Amino acid sequence: MVKHMVQHDELDEVFHALGDPGRRSMVDRLSRGPASVSELAEPLDMSLTAVVQHVRVLERCGLVTTAKRGRVRMCQLHVPTLRNAEIWIIERRRQWERRLDRLGEILVADPEPTEPPEPTPDHDKDR
């Protein structure tokens, strides 16, 4: 049970991090390979300081690892963390697909919609 809770806490942090368009842009860029913080900042309309803060959020949740190479901080996507979020999403999608498949089976098994009974006047109701 504790492991399950830890997974949800980790997922909460990952989804929070991915909730920001700038961070999603960084993750998208890093999915093509490592990049420096400056390279991540290039297409974004924010200061280098803001980019560094966003990278820290991505690093704290485990989506990104960083390493200093001389004076340059290089960032790399940590794929297993992203894969855990993907697995969680896939599991939810499969649950809904099974439910919808079952609903389809029920509808096919009973193709004739049943008409509700016509209301009958209840003359004795108010007496």
C-alpha atoms as a PDB file:
ATOM      1  CA  MET A   1       0.000   0.000   0.000  1.00  0.00           C
ATOM      2  CA  VAL A   2       2.802   2.433   0.829  1.00  0.00           C
ATOM      3  CA  LYS A   3       4.475   1.743  -2.511  1.00  0.00           C
ATOM      4  CA  HIS A   4       1.176   2.520  -4.238  1.00  0.00           C
ATOM      5  CA  MET A   5       0.941   5.866  -2.397  1.00  0.00           C
ATOM      6  CA  VAL A   6       4.526   6.730  -3.313  1.00  0.00           C
ATOM      7  CA  GLN A   7       3.697   6.072  -6.943  1.00  0.00           C
ATOM      8  CA  HIS A   8       0.730   8.432  -6.722  1.00  0.00           C
ATOM      9  CA  ASP A   9       2.860  11.110  -5.032  1.00  0.00           C
ATOM     10  CA  GLU A  10       5.442  10.751  -7.801  1.00  0.00           C
ATOM     11  CA  LEU A  11       2.734  10.900 -10.453  1.00  0.00           C
ATOM     12  CA  ASP A  12       1.271  14.007  -8.811  1.00  0.00           C
ATOM     13  CA  GLU A  13       4.637  15.723  -9.099  1.00  0.00           C
ATOM     14  CA  VAL A  14       5.131  14.603 -12.703  1.00  0.00           C
ATOM     15  CA  PHE A  15       1.681  15.769 -13.799  1.00  0.00           C
ATOM     16  CA  HIS A  16       2.164  19.044 -11.924  1.00  0.00           C
ATOM     17  CA  ALA A  17       5.460  19.571 -13.734  1.00  0.00           C
ATOM     18  CA  LEU A  18       3.869  18.734 -17.094  1.00  0.00           C
ATOM     19  CA  GLY A  19       1.011  21.121 -16.345  1.00  0.00           C
ATOM     20  CA  ASP A  20       3.155  24.064 -17.383  1.00  0.00           C
ATOM     21  CA  PRO A  21       3.501  24.728 -21.148  1.00  0.00           C
ATOM     22  CA  GLY A  22       7.104  25.900 -20.787  1.00  0.00           C
ATOM     23  CA  ARG A  23       8.120  22.724 -18.999  1.00  0.00           C
ATOM     24  CA  ARG A  24       6.247  20.600 -21.563  1.00  0.00           C
ATOM     25  CA  SER A  25       8.217  22.414 -24.251  1.00  0.00           C
ATOM     26  CA  MET A  26      11.455  21.566 -22.444  1.00  0.00           C
ATOM     27  CA  VAL A  27      10.452  17.903 -22.111  1.00  0.00           C
ATOM     28  CA  ASP A  28       9.546  17.864 -25.799  1.00  0.00           C
ATOM     29  CA  ARG A  29      12.958  19.283 -26.701  1.00  0.00           C
ATOM     30  CA  LEU A  30      14.745  16.828 -24.404  1.00  0.00           C
ATOM     31  CA  SER A  31      12.883  13.915 -25.998  1.00  0.00           C
ATOM     32  CA  ARG A  32      15.098  14.555 -29.034  1.00  0.00           C
ATOM     33  CA  GLY A  33      18.297  14.408 -26.963  1.00  0.00           C
ATOM     34  CA  PRO A  34      20.265  16.207 -24.259  1.00  0.00           C
ATOM     35  CA  ALA A  35      20.387  20.007 -24.257  1.00  0.00           C
ATOM     36  CA  SER A  36      21.981  22.753 -22.236  1.00  0.00           C
ATOM     37  CA  VAL A  37      19.844  25.070 -20.128  1.00  0.00           C
ATOM     38  CA  SER A  38      20.625  27.833 -22.647  1.00  0.00           C
ATOM     39  CA  GLU A  39      19.396  25.651 -25.514  1.00  0.00           C
ATOM     40  CA  LEU A  40      16.197  24.954 -23.608  1.00  0.00           C
ATOM     41  CA  ALA A  41      15.737  28.684 -23.055  1.00  0.00           C
ATOM     42  CA  GLU A  42      16.167  29.696 -26.720  1.00  0.00           C
ATOM     43  CA  PRO A  43      12.599  29.129 -27.965  1.00  0.00           C
ATOM     44  CA  LEU A  44      10.973  30.254 -24.729  1.00  0.00           C
ATOM     45  CA  ASP A  45       9.876  33.759 -23.863  1.00  0.00           C
ATOM     46  CA  MET A  46      11.358  33.754 -20.354  1.00  0.00           C
ATOM     47  CA  SER A  47      14.549  34.663 -18.582  1.00  0.00           C
ATOM     48  CA  LEU A  48      17.369  32.196 -18.115  1.00  0.00           C
ATOM     49  CA  THR A  49      16.684  32.361 -14.357  1.00  0.00           C
ATOM     50  CA  ALA A  50      13.070  31.288 -14.961  1.00  0.00           C
ATOM     51  CA  VAL A  51      14.236  28.446 -17.215  1.00  0.00           C
ATOM     52  CA  VAL A  52      16.598  27.250 -14.470  1.00  0.00           C
ATOM     53  CA  GLN A  53      13.688  27.239 -12.001  1.00  0.00           C
ATOM     54  CA  HIS A  54      11.575  25.199 -14.412  1.00  0.00           C
ATOM     55  CA  VAL A  55      14.447  22.756 -14.939  1.00  0.00           C
ATOM     56  CA  ARG A  56      14.651  22.339 -11.141  1.00  0.00           C
ATOM     57  CA  VAL A  57      10.950  21.429 -11.034  1.00  0.00           C
ATOM     58  CA  LEU A  58      11.508  18.851 -13.782  1.00  0.00           C
ATOM     59  CA  GLU A  59      14.557  17.554 -11.937  1.00  0.00           C
ATOM     60  CA  ARG A  60      12.765  17.285  -8.559  1.00  0.00           C
ATOM     61  CA  CYS A  61       9.983  15.146 -10.006  1.00  0.00           C
ATOM     62  CA  GLY A  62      12.516  12.926 -11.771  1.00  0.00           C
ATOM     63  CA  LEU A  63      11.685  13.806 -15.381  1.00  0.00           C
ATOM     64  CA  VAL A  64      15.069  15.421 -16.023  1.00  0.00           C
ATOM     65  CA  THR A  65      18.600  14.807 -14.857  1.00  0.00           C
ATOM     66  CA  THR A  66      21.263  17.479 -15.057  1.00  0.00           C
ATOM     67  CA  ALA A  67      25.046  17.426 -14.999  1.00  0.00           C
ATOM     68  CA  LYS A  68      27.550  20.239 -15.046  1.00  0.00           C
ATOM     69  CA  ARG A  69      30.045  20.035 -17.921  1.00  0.00           C
ATOM     70  CA  GLY A  70      32.535  22.812 -17.346  1.00  0.00           C
ATOM     71  CA  ARG A  71      30.435  25.965 -17.184  1.00  0.00           C
ATOM     72  CA  VAL A  72      27.462  24.425 -18.974  1.00  0.00           C
ATOM     73  CA  ARG A  73      24.597  22.609 -17.252  1.00  0.00           C
ATOM     74  CA  MET A  74      23.363  19.811 -19.512  1.00  0.00           C
ATOM     75  CA  CYS A  75      19.876  18.374 -19.167  1.00  0.00           C
ATOM     76  CA  GLN A  76      18.655  14.964 -20.185  1.00  0.00           C
ATOM     77  CA  LEU A  77      15.200  13.399 -20.116  1.00  0.00           C
ATOM     78  CA  HIS A  78      14.869  10.579 -17.589  1.00  0.00           C
ATOM     79  CA  VAL A  79      12.720   8.252 -19.674  1.00  0.00           C
ATOM     80  CA  PRO A  80      11.701   5.783 -16.911  1.00  0.00           C
ATOM     81  CA  THR A  81       9.861   8.542 -15.030  1.00  0.00           C
ATOM     82  CA  LEU A  82       8.027   9.581 -18.181  1.00  0.00           C
ATOM     83  CA  ARG A  83       7.262   5.926 -18.896  1.00  0.00           C
ATOM     84  CA  ASN A  84       5.678   5.507 -15.428  1.00  0.00           C
ATOM     85  CA  ALA A  85       3.261   8.355 -16.218  1.00  0.00           C
ATOM     86  CA  GLU A  86       2.584   6.807 -19.621  1.00  0.00           C
ATOM     87  CA  ILE A  87       1.845   3.418 -18.035  1.00  0.00           C
ATOM     88  CA  TRP A  88      -0.581   5.031 -15.587  1.00  0.00           C
ATOM     89  CA  ILE A  89      -2.415   6.749 -18.470  1.00  0.00           C
ATOM     90  CA  ILE A  90      -2.485   3.547 -20.538  1.00  0.00           C
ATOM     91  CA  GLU A  91      -3.933   1.584 -17.602  1.00  0.00           C
ATOM     92  CA  ARG A  92      -6.738   4.139 -17.190  1.00  0.00           C
ATOM     93  CA  ARG A  93      -7.454   4.070 -20.930  1.00  0.00           C
ATOM     94  CA  ARG A  94      -7.651   0.267 -20.879  1.00  0.00           C
ATOM     95  CA  GLN A  95     -10.105   0.355 -17.974  1.00  0.00           C
ATOM     96  CA  TRP A  96     -12.385   2.680 -19.926  1.00  0.00           C
ATOM     97  CA  GLU A  97     -12.020   0.624 -23.100  1.00  0.00           C
ATOM     98  CA  ARG A  98     -13.105  -2.499 -21.187  1.00  0.00           C
ATOM     99  CA  ARG A  99     -16.092  -0.637 -19.759  1.00  0.00           C
ATOM    100  CA  LEU A 100     -17.096   0.673 -23.172  1.00  0.00           C
ATOM    101  CA  ASP A 101     -16.609  -2.773 -24.730  1.00  0.00           C
ATOM    102  CA  ARG A 102     -18.889  -4.249 -22.067  1.00  0.00           C
ATOM    103  CA  LEU A 103     -21.470  -1.550 -22.706  1.00  0.00           C
ATOM    104  CA  GLY A 104     -21.269  -2.357 -26.417  1.00  0.00           C
ATOM    105  CA  GLU A 105     -21.847  -6.042 -25.645  1.00  0.00           C
ATOM    106  CA  ILE A 106     -24.898  -5.184 -23.570  1.00  0.00           C
ATOM    107  CA  LEU A 107     -26.316  -2.970 -26.299  1.00  0.00           C
ATOM    108  CA  VAL A 108     -25.737  -5.631 -28.959  1.00  0.00           C
ATOM    109  CA  ALA A 109     -27.346  -8.299 -26.778  1.00  0.00           C
ATOM    110  CA  ASP A 110     -30.462  -6.128 -26.313  1.00  0.00           C
ATOM    111  CA  PRO A 111     -30.808  -4.220 -29.600  1.00  0.00           C
ATOM    112  CA  GLU A 112     -34.473  -3.346 -29.065  1.00  0.00           C
ATOM    113  CA  PRO A 113     -34.816  -0.379 -26.800  1.00  0.00           C
ATOM    114  CA  THR A 114     -37.503  -1.005 -24.306  1.00  0.00           C
ATOM    115  CA  GLU A 115     -40.211   1.583 -24.209  1.00  0.00           C
ATOM    116  CA  PRO A 116     -41.121   2.772 -20.770  1.00  0.00           C
ATOM    117  CA  PRO A 117     -44.672   1.863 -19.866  1.00  0.00           C
ATOM    118  CA  GLU A 118     -47.160   4.515 -20.751  1.00  0.00           C
ATOM    119  CA  PRO A 119     -48.334   6.425 -17.740  1.00  0.00           C
ATOM    120  CA  THR A 120     -51.824   5.513 -16.732  1.00  0.00           C
ATOM    121  CA  PRO A 121     -54.105   8.075 -15.256  1.00  0.00           C
ATOM    122  CA  ASP A 122     -54.397   7.484 -11.575  1.00  0.00           C
ATOM    123  CA  HIS A 123     -57.875   8.703 -10.762  1.00  0.00           C
ATOM    124  CA  ASP A 124     -57.744   7.377  -7.222  1.00  0.00           C
ATOM    125  CA  LYS A 125     -54.450   9.084  -6.410  1.00  0.00           C
ATOM    126  CA  ASP A 126     -55.970  12.216  -4.811  1.00  0.00           C
ATOM    127  CA  ARG A 127     -58.747  10.432  -2.966  1.00  0.00           C
END
